[in-house]
Amino acid sequence: MSYVFDNSPLSSLFKNYYRNRFPSLWQRFDQLVAAGGLVSTREAFREIEDGPIESLVEWAKNNRALFATPTPEEGAFVARIYAVPHFQQNIEQKKLLRGGRVADPFVIARAACENKTVVTNEVKKPNAVKIPNICEHFGVDCMSLEEFMEAEKWSF
């Protein structure tokens, strides 16, 4: 299985699972990355750059190829997402005013266009505009970080 990671599960991994304390997790993670089973988007890279987790920022810069620029097909899919009036709320007004990044629709679009599964820490909520809600609407597979580890049969 191949995955498109949102910023949130990457942040969780780098913040909570220290490489020196969880070597077998990181060995499997690095193998998945090397095999091309894990990708993300340019917009997630920008969120990471703006974030406080230095080890993640450094890792992202060293793995820049994982964070692809959206294709025209992905851009068209993002337009489909925002053609749904309810999903327009996904762009938070505060982020717009501060020049913040909005990676969610691009993560979903990449997964949809490449037949991959989104991995996010966001949780589906009734009538929400979270990644799992949008994925469900468009039939895109989506899972949590823990579900990702289960799918990969990781146990530590």
N, C-alpha and C. Protein backbone atom coordinates (compact mmCIF):
# COMPACT_ATOMS: atom_id res chain seq x y z
N MET A 1 0.85 -1.18 0.00
CA MET A 1 0.00 0.00 0.00
C MET A 1 0.89 1.24 0.00
N SER A 2 0.42 2.29 -0.62
CA SER A 2 1.15 3.55 -0.67
C SER A 2 0.34 4.63 0.02
N TYR A 3 1.04 5.59 0.60
CA TYR A 3 0.40 6.58 1.47
C TYR A 3 0.82 8.01 1.12
N VAL A 4 -0.12 8.93 1.34
CA VAL A 4 0.16 10.36 1.28
C VAL A 4 -0.01 10.88 2.69
N PHE A 5 1.07 11.34 3.28
CA PHE A 5 1.04 11.82 4.66
C PHE A 5 0.71 13.30 4.74
N ASP A 6 -0.21 13.60 5.63
CA ASP A 6 -0.48 14.97 6.04
C ASP A 6 0.65 15.38 6.98
N ASN A 7 0.75 16.64 7.27
CA ASN A 7 1.75 17.15 8.20
C ASN A 7 1.55 16.56 9.61
N SER A 8 0.32 16.38 10.04
CA SER A 8 0.05 15.99 11.43
C SER A 8 0.67 14.65 11.85
N PRO A 9 0.55 13.57 11.07
CA PRO A 9 1.19 12.33 11.52
C PRO A 9 2.72 12.41 11.46
N LEU A 10 3.26 13.15 10.51
CA LEU A 10 4.72 13.34 10.49
C LEU A 10 5.16 14.09 11.73
N SER A 11 4.42 15.13 12.10
CA SER A 11 4.75 15.89 13.31
C SER A 11 4.68 15.00 14.54
N SER A 12 3.65 14.16 14.61
CA SER A 12 3.53 13.24 15.75
C SER A 12 4.70 12.28 15.83
N LEU A 13 5.09 11.72 14.70
CA LEU A 13 6.22 10.81 14.68
C LEU A 13 7.49 11.49 15.18
N PHE A 14 7.80 12.65 14.62
CA PHE A 14 9.05 13.32 14.96
C PHE A 14 9.03 13.94 16.35
N LYS A 15 7.88 14.25 16.85
CA LYS A 15 7.77 14.85 18.18
C LYS A 15 7.75 13.80 19.29
N ASN A 16 7.14 12.65 19.03
CA ASN A 16 6.90 11.68 20.09
C ASN A 16 7.71 10.40 20.02
N TYR A 17 8.28 10.09 18.88
CA TYR A 17 9.00 8.83 18.71
C TYR A 17 10.46 9.14 18.36
N TYR A 18 11.26 9.35 19.39
CA TYR A 18 12.67 9.72 19.20
C TYR A 18 13.42 8.58 18.50
N ARG A 19 14.22 8.95 17.53
CA ARG A 19 14.96 7.94 16.75
C ARG A 19 15.80 7.02 17.63
N ASN A 20 16.41 7.56 18.65
CA ASN A 20 17.27 6.74 19.50
C ASN A 20 16.48 5.81 20.42
N ARG A 21 15.23 6.10 20.66
CA ARG A 21 14.39 5.29 21.55
C ARG A 21 13.52 4.29 20.80
N PHE A 22 13.25 4.55 19.54
CA PHE A 22 12.37 3.69 18.73
C PHE A 22 13.06 3.32 17.42
N PRO A 23 14.23 2.67 17.51
CA PRO A 23 15.00 2.41 16.28
C PRO A 23 14.29 1.51 15.28
N SER A 24 13.54 0.52 15.75
CA SER A 24 12.88 -0.38 14.80
C SER A 24 11.74 0.33 14.06
N LEU A 25 11.04 1.25 14.71
CA LEU A 25 10.02 2.05 14.03
C LEU A 25 10.66 2.86 12.91
N TRP A 26 11.76 3.53 13.25
CA TRP A 26 12.41 4.40 12.25
C TRP A 26 13.05 3.60 11.13
N GLN A 27 13.52 2.39 11.44
CA GLN A 27 14.07 1.55 10.37
C GLN A 27 12.97 1.21 9.38
N ARG A 28 11.80 0.83 9.86
CA ARG A 28 10.68 0.51 8.97
C ARG A 28 10.18 1.75 8.23
N PHE A 29 10.10 2.86 8.93
CA PHE A 29 9.67 4.11 8.32
C PHE A 29 10.62 4.48 7.18
N ASP A 30 11.92 4.46 7.45
CA ASP A 30 12.92 4.81 6.44
C ASP A 30 12.88 3.86 5.24
N GLN A 31 12.62 2.58 5.50
CA GLN A 31 12.50 1.61 4.41
C GLN A 31 11.29 1.92 3.53
N LEU A 32 10.18 2.28 4.15
CA LEU A 32 8.97 2.63 3.40
C LEU A 32 9.22 3.87 2.54
N VAL A 33 9.89 4.86 3.12
CA VAL A 33 10.22 6.08 2.38
C VAL A 33 11.13 5.74 1.19
N ALA A 34 12.16 4.96 1.44
CA ALA A 34 13.12 4.59 0.38
C ALA A 34 12.44 3.81 -0.74
N ALA A 35 11.44 3.02 -0.39
CA ALA A 35 10.73 2.21 -1.39
C ALA A 35 9.67 3.01 -2.14
N GLY A 36 9.47 4.26 -1.77
CA GLY A 36 8.48 5.10 -2.44
C GLY A 36 7.06 4.89 -1.96
N GLY A 37 6.90 4.23 -0.83
CA GLY A 37 5.57 3.96 -0.29
C GLY A 37 4.96 5.09 0.51
N LEU A 38 5.73 6.14 0.75
CA LEU A 38 5.26 7.28 1.51
C LEU A 38 5.65 8.55 0.79
N VAL A 39 4.65 9.38 0.52
CA VAL A 39 4.88 10.67 -0.12
C VAL A 39 4.02 11.72 0.58
N SER A 40 4.18 12.96 0.16
CA SER A 40 3.36 14.05 0.68
C SER A 40 3.23 15.10 -0.43
N THR A 41 3.05 16.34 -0.03
CA THR A 41 2.87 17.41 -1.02
C THR A 41 3.73 18.62 -0.67
N ARG A 42 3.93 19.46 -1.64
CA ARG A 42 4.67 20.70 -1.43
C ARG A 42 4.04 21.54 -0.33
N GLU A 43 2.71 21.57 -0.27
CA GLU A 43 2.02 22.39 0.73
C GLU A 43 2.26 21.85 2.14
N ALA A 44 2.32 20.53 2.30
CA ALA A 44 2.66 19.95 3.60
C ALA A 44 4.10 20.31 3.97
N PHE A 45 4.99 20.30 2.98
CA PHE A 45 6.38 20.70 3.22
C PHE A 45 6.43 22.13 3.76
N ARG A 46 5.63 23.01 3.19
CA ARG A 46 5.60 24.40 3.64
C ARG A 46 5.07 24.51 5.07
N GLU A 47 4.06 23.71 5.41
CA GLU A 47 3.57 23.69 6.79
C GLU A 47 4.67 23.23 7.74
N ILE A 48 5.40 22.20 7.32
CA ILE A 48 6.50 21.67 8.14
C ILE A 48 7.57 22.74 8.34
N GLU A 49 7.92 23.44 7.26
CA GLU A 49 8.93 24.52 7.36
C GLU A 49 8.52 25.59 8.36
N ASP A 50 7.22 25.86 8.43
CA ASP A 50 6.71 26.87 9.35
C ASP A 50 6.58 26.36 10.78
N GLY A 51 6.76 25.07 10.97
CA GLY A 51 6.52 24.44 12.27
C GLY A 51 7.72 24.47 13.20
N PRO A 52 7.50 24.05 14.44
CA PRO A 52 8.54 24.14 15.47
C PRO A 52 9.43 22.92 15.63
N ILE A 53 9.17 21.83 14.90
CA ILE A 53 9.90 20.58 15.13
C ILE A 53 11.13 20.54 14.22
N GLU A 54 12.26 20.93 14.79
CA GLU A 54 13.49 21.07 13.99
C GLU A 54 13.91 19.78 13.31
N SER A 55 13.78 18.64 14.00
CA SER A 55 14.19 17.37 13.38
C SER A 55 13.32 17.05 12.17
N LEU A 56 12.03 17.40 12.22
CA LEU A 56 11.14 17.18 11.08
C LEU A 56 11.49 18.12 9.94
N VAL A 57 11.77 19.37 10.26
CA VAL A 57 12.16 20.34 9.22
C VAL A 57 13.42 19.85 8.51
N GLU A 58 14.40 19.41 9.28
CA GLU A 58 15.65 18.92 8.69
C GLU A 58 15.40 17.68 7.83
N TRP A 59 14.60 16.75 8.34
CA TRP A 59 14.27 15.53 7.59
C TRP A 59 13.57 15.88 6.28
N ALA A 60 12.59 16.78 6.36
CA ALA A 60 11.83 17.17 5.16
C ALA A 60 12.76 17.80 4.12
N LYS A 61 13.67 18.65 4.55
CA LYS A 61 14.61 19.26 3.61
C LYS A 61 15.51 18.21 2.97
N ASN A 62 15.89 17.19 3.74
CA ASN A 62 16.74 16.12 3.21
C ASN A 62 15.98 15.13 2.33
N ASN A 63 14.65 15.19 2.40
CA ASN A 63 13.80 14.29 1.61
C ASN A 63 12.83 15.09 0.75
N ARG A 64 13.30 16.17 0.21
CA ARG A 64 12.48 17.14 -0.53
C ARG A 64 11.71 16.49 -1.68
N ALA A 65 12.25 15.44 -2.26
CA ALA A 65 11.59 14.79 -3.40
C ALA A 65 10.25 14.16 -3.02
N LEU A 66 10.04 13.87 -1.75
CA LEU A 66 8.76 13.29 -1.30
C LEU A 66 7.62 14.28 -1.39
N PHE A 67 7.94 15.56 -1.40
CA PHE A 67 6.95 16.63 -1.31
C PHE A 67 6.74 17.27 -2.69
N ALA A 68 6.01 16.56 -3.53
CA ALA A 68 5.86 16.95 -4.93
C ALA A 68 4.99 18.19 -5.12
N THR A 69 5.32 18.93 -6.16
CA THR A 69 4.48 20.04 -6.60
C THR A 69 3.21 19.45 -7.20
N PRO A 70 2.05 20.01 -6.88
CA PRO A 70 0.80 19.46 -7.43
C PRO A 70 0.79 19.46 -8.95
N THR A 71 0.25 18.40 -9.50
CA THR A 71 0.09 18.28 -10.95
C THR A 71 -1.19 19.02 -11.36
N PRO A 72 -1.37 19.26 -12.65
CA PRO A 72 -2.63 19.87 -13.09
C PRO A 72 -3.85 19.02 -12.69
N GLU A 73 -3.70 17.70 -12.76
CA GLU A 73 -4.80 16.81 -12.35
C GLU A 73 -5.14 17.01 -10.87
N GLU A 74 -4.11 17.15 -10.05
CA GLU A 74 -4.34 17.38 -8.62
C GLU A 74 -4.98 18.75 -8.39
N GLY A 75 -4.54 19.75 -9.14
CA GLY A 75 -5.15 21.07 -9.04
C GLY A 75 -6.63 21.03 -9.39
N ALA A 76 -6.97 20.26 -10.40
CA ALA A 76 -8.38 20.11 -10.79
C ALA A 76 -9.17 19.41 -9.69
N PHE A 77 -8.53 18.46 -9.01
CA PHE A 77 -9.22 17.77 -7.91
C PHE A 77 -9.44 18.71 -6.74
N VAL A 78 -8.47 19.56 -6.44
CA VAL A 78 -8.64 20.57 -5.39
C VAL A 78 -9.84 21.47 -5.73
N ALA A 79 -9.96 21.82 -7.00
CA ALA A 79 -11.11 22.64 -7.44
C ALA A 79 -12.42 21.89 -7.20
N ARG A 80 -12.42 20.58 -7.43
CA ARG A 80 -13.62 19.78 -7.15
C ARG A 80 -13.97 19.81 -5.66
N ILE A 81 -12.94 19.74 -4.83
CA ILE A 81 -13.19 19.79 -3.37
C ILE A 81 -13.87 21.10 -3.01
N TYR A 82 -13.31 22.20 -3.49
CA TYR A 82 -13.85 23.51 -3.11
C TYR A 82 -15.10 23.90 -3.90
N ALA A 83 -15.48 23.08 -4.88
CA ALA A 83 -16.76 23.29 -5.55
C ALA A 83 -17.92 22.89 -4.65
N VAL A 84 -17.62 22.11 -3.60
CA VAL A 84 -18.62 21.75 -2.60
C VAL A 84 -18.63 22.89 -1.58
N PRO A 85 -19.70 23.68 -1.54
CA PRO A 85 -19.72 24.86 -0.67
C PRO A 85 -19.32 24.59 0.79
N HIS A 86 -19.77 23.49 1.34
CA HIS A 86 -19.45 23.17 2.73
C HIS A 86 -17.94 23.02 2.95
N PHE A 87 -17.24 22.47 1.97
CA PHE A 87 -15.80 22.24 2.11
C PHE A 87 -14.98 23.51 1.98
N GLN A 88 -15.59 24.59 1.53
CA GLN A 88 -14.88 25.87 1.47
C GLN A 88 -14.50 26.35 2.87
N GLN A 89 -15.18 25.85 3.88
CA GLN A 89 -14.86 26.22 5.26
C GLN A 89 -13.52 25.63 5.70
N ASN A 90 -12.98 24.70 4.91
CA ASN A 90 -11.69 24.10 5.22
C ASN A 90 -10.57 25.14 5.24
N ILE A 91 -10.75 26.21 4.49
CA ILE A 91 -9.76 27.28 4.49
C ILE A 91 -10.08 28.20 5.66
N GLU A 92 -9.31 28.07 6.70
CA GLU A 92 -9.57 28.84 7.90
C GLU A 92 -9.23 30.31 7.68
N GLN A 93 -10.15 31.17 8.07
CA GLN A 93 -9.98 32.61 7.89
C GLN A 93 -8.70 33.11 8.57
N LYS A 94 -8.41 32.59 9.76
CA LYS A 94 -7.20 33.02 10.48
C LYS A 94 -5.94 32.69 9.68
N LYS A 95 -5.92 31.50 9.06
CA LYS A 95 -4.76 31.12 8.25
C LYS A 95 -4.59 32.06 7.08
N LEU A 96 -5.70 32.41 6.45
CA LEU A 96 -5.62 33.32 5.31
C LEU A 96 -5.08 34.68 5.72
N LEU A 97 -5.54 35.17 6.83
CA LEU A 97 -5.09 36.49 7.29
C LEU A 97 -3.63 36.50 7.68
N ARG A 98 -3.14 35.39 8.20
CA ARG A 98 -1.73 35.31 8.62
C ARG A 98 -0.83 34.78 7.52
N GLY A 99 -1.39 34.46 6.37
CA GLY A 99 -0.58 33.88 5.29
C GLY A 99 -0.21 32.44 5.55
N GLY A 100 -1.04 31.76 6.34
CA GLY A 100 -0.78 30.37 6.68
C GLY A 100 -0.95 29.43 5.51
N ARG A 101 -0.53 28.23 5.72
CA ARG A 101 -0.56 27.20 4.68
C ARG A 101 -1.83 26.35 4.79
N VAL A 102 -2.30 25.85 3.68
CA VAL A 102 -3.47 24.98 3.65
C VAL A 102 -3.11 23.76 2.80
N ALA A 103 -2.64 22.71 3.44
CA ALA A 103 -2.19 21.52 2.72
C ALA A 103 -3.29 20.49 2.51
N ASP A 104 -4.33 20.51 3.34
CA ASP A 104 -5.33 19.44 3.34
C ASP A 104 -5.85 19.06 1.95
N PRO A 105 -6.35 20.00 1.16
CA PRO A 105 -6.92 19.58 -0.13
C PRO A 105 -5.88 19.00 -1.08
N PHE A 106 -4.63 19.44 -0.95
CA PHE A 106 -3.58 18.94 -1.82
C PHE A 106 -3.17 17.52 -1.43
N VAL A 107 -3.19 17.23 -0.14
CA VAL A 107 -2.91 15.88 0.34
C VAL A 107 -3.99 14.93 -0.19
N ILE A 108 -5.24 15.33 -0.07
CA ILE A 108 -6.36 14.52 -0.54
C ILE A 108 -6.28 14.35 -2.06
N ALA A 109 -6.00 15.42 -2.77
CA ALA A 109 -5.92 15.35 -4.23
C ALA A 109 -4.82 14.41 -4.70
N ARG A 110 -3.67 14.47 -4.06
CA ARG A 110 -2.58 13.58 -4.48
C ARG A 110 -2.97 12.13 -4.26
N ALA A 111 -3.58 11.85 -3.10
CA ALA A 111 -4.02 10.48 -2.83
C ALA A 111 -5.06 10.02 -3.85
N ALA A 112 -6.00 10.90 -4.17
CA ALA A 112 -7.06 10.54 -5.12
C ALA A 112 -6.48 10.29 -6.51
N CYS A 113 -5.59 11.14 -6.95
CA CYS A 113 -5.05 11.04 -8.31
C CYS A 113 -4.05 9.90 -8.47
N GLU A 114 -3.40 9.50 -7.38
CA GLU A 114 -2.40 8.43 -7.46
C GLU A 114 -2.87 7.13 -6.82
N ASN A 115 -4.16 7.08 -6.45
CA ASN A 115 -4.74 5.89 -5.83
C ASN A 115 -3.95 5.46 -4.59
N LYS A 116 -3.71 6.41 -3.71
CA LYS A 116 -2.99 6.16 -2.46
C LYS A 116 -3.94 6.43 -1.29
N THR A 117 -3.49 6.14 -0.09
CA THR A 117 -4.28 6.33 1.12
C THR A 117 -3.74 7.52 1.90
N VAL A 118 -4.63 8.41 2.32
CA VAL A 118 -4.25 9.56 3.15
C VAL A 118 -4.01 9.07 4.58
N VAL A 119 -2.94 9.58 5.19
CA VAL A 119 -2.68 9.34 6.61
C VAL A 119 -2.70 10.69 7.30
N THR A 120 -3.57 10.83 8.29
CA THR A 120 -3.75 12.08 9.01
C THR A 120 -4.09 11.81 10.46
N ASN A 121 -3.87 12.79 11.32
CA ASN A 121 -4.30 12.70 12.71
C ASN A 121 -5.68 13.30 12.90
N GLU A 122 -6.23 13.91 11.85
CA GLU A 122 -7.56 14.49 11.98
C GLU A 122 -8.59 13.37 12.13
N VAL A 123 -9.66 13.69 12.85
CA VAL A 123 -10.71 12.72 13.14
C VAL A 123 -12.01 13.17 12.48
N LYS A 124 -12.70 12.20 11.87
CA LYS A 124 -13.98 12.51 11.24
C LYS A 124 -15.00 12.93 12.30
N LYS A 125 -15.69 14.03 12.02
CA LYS A 125 -16.73 14.53 12.90
C LYS A 125 -17.95 14.85 12.05
N PRO A 126 -19.15 14.68 12.61
CA PRO A 126 -20.36 14.99 11.84
C PRO A 126 -20.35 16.44 11.34
N ASN A 127 -20.65 16.62 10.08
CA ASN A 127 -20.78 17.94 9.44
C ASN A 127 -19.50 18.77 9.47
N ALA A 128 -18.36 18.14 9.69
CA ALA A 128 -17.09 18.86 9.76
C ALA A 128 -16.46 18.95 8.37
N VAL A 129 -15.39 19.72 8.28
CA VAL A 129 -14.63 19.84 7.03
C VAL A 129 -13.21 19.33 7.24
N LYS A 130 -13.10 18.27 8.01
CA LYS A 130 -11.81 17.65 8.28
C LYS A 130 -11.41 16.73 7.12
N ILE A 131 -10.16 16.38 7.05
CA ILE A 131 -9.66 15.51 5.99
C ILE A 131 -10.47 14.23 5.86
N PRO A 132 -10.76 13.51 6.96
CA PRO A 132 -11.54 12.27 6.80
C PRO A 132 -12.94 12.50 6.21
N ASN A 133 -13.56 13.62 6.54
CA ASN A 133 -14.88 13.93 5.98
C ASN A 133 -14.79 14.15 4.47
N ILE A 134 -13.80 14.91 4.06
CA ILE A 134 -13.63 15.20 2.63
C ILE A 134 -13.26 13.92 1.88
N CYS A 135 -12.37 13.12 2.46
CA CYS A 135 -11.99 11.85 1.83
C CYS A 135 -13.21 10.95 1.65
N GLU A 136 -14.03 10.85 2.68
CA GLU A 136 -15.22 10.01 2.58
C GLU A 136 -16.13 10.49 1.45
N HIS A 137 -16.33 11.79 1.35
CA HIS A 137 -17.18 12.35 0.32
C HIS A 137 -16.72 11.97 -1.09
N PHE A 138 -15.40 11.95 -1.29
CA PHE A 138 -14.85 11.67 -2.61
C PHE A 138 -14.37 10.23 -2.79
N GLY A 139 -14.60 9.38 -1.79
CA GLY A 139 -14.21 7.98 -1.91
C GLY A 139 -12.72 7.74 -1.88
N VAL A 140 -11.99 8.59 -1.14
CA VAL A 140 -10.54 8.45 -1.01
C VAL A 140 -10.25 7.74 0.32
N ASP A 141 -9.42 6.72 0.29
CA ASP A 141 -9.07 6.00 1.51
C ASP A 141 -8.31 6.92 2.46
N CYS A 142 -8.63 6.80 3.74
CA CYS A 142 -8.04 7.67 4.75
C CYS A 142 -7.89 6.89 6.05
N MET A 143 -6.79 7.09 6.75
CA MET A 143 -6.56 6.41 8.02
C MET A 143 -5.73 7.27 8.96
N SER A 144 -5.76 6.88 10.22
CA SER A 144 -4.96 7.55 11.25
C SER A 144 -3.54 6.98 11.25
N LEU A 145 -2.66 7.59 12.02
CA LEU A 145 -1.29 7.10 12.15
C LEU A 145 -1.30 5.70 12.74
N GLU A 146 -2.12 5.46 13.74
CA GLU A 146 -2.19 4.12 14.34
C GLU A 146 -2.72 3.10 13.33
N GLU A 147 -3.74 3.47 12.58
CA GLU A 147 -4.26 2.56 11.55
C GLU A 147 -3.21 2.27 10.48
N PHE A 148 -2.40 3.27 10.15
CA PHE A 148 -1.30 3.09 9.21
C PHE A 148 -0.33 2.04 9.75
N MET A 149 0.03 2.16 11.03
CA MET A 149 0.96 1.19 11.64
C MET A 149 0.34 -0.20 11.65
N GLU A 150 -0.95 -0.29 11.90
CA GLU A 150 -1.64 -1.59 11.85
C GLU A 150 -1.64 -2.15 10.43
N ALA A 151 -1.92 -1.31 9.44
CA ALA A 151 -1.94 -1.76 8.05
C ALA A 151 -0.58 -2.29 7.62
N GLU A 152 0.47 -1.66 8.11
CA GLU A 152 1.83 -2.08 7.79
C GLU A 152 2.31 -3.23 8.68
N LYS A 153 1.45 -3.64 9.62
CA LYS A 153 1.76 -4.72 10.58
C LYS A 153 2.97 -4.39 11.44
N TRP A 154 3.05 -3.11 11.82
CA TRP A 154 4.13 -2.68 12.70
C TRP A 154 3.71 -2.90 14.13
N SER A 155 4.59 -3.49 14.90
CA SER A 155 4.36 -3.72 16.33
C SER A 155 5.70 -3.53 17.02
N PHE A 156 5.69 -2.76 18.08
CA PHE A 156 6.97 -2.47 18.77
C PHE A 156 6.85 -2.76 20.26
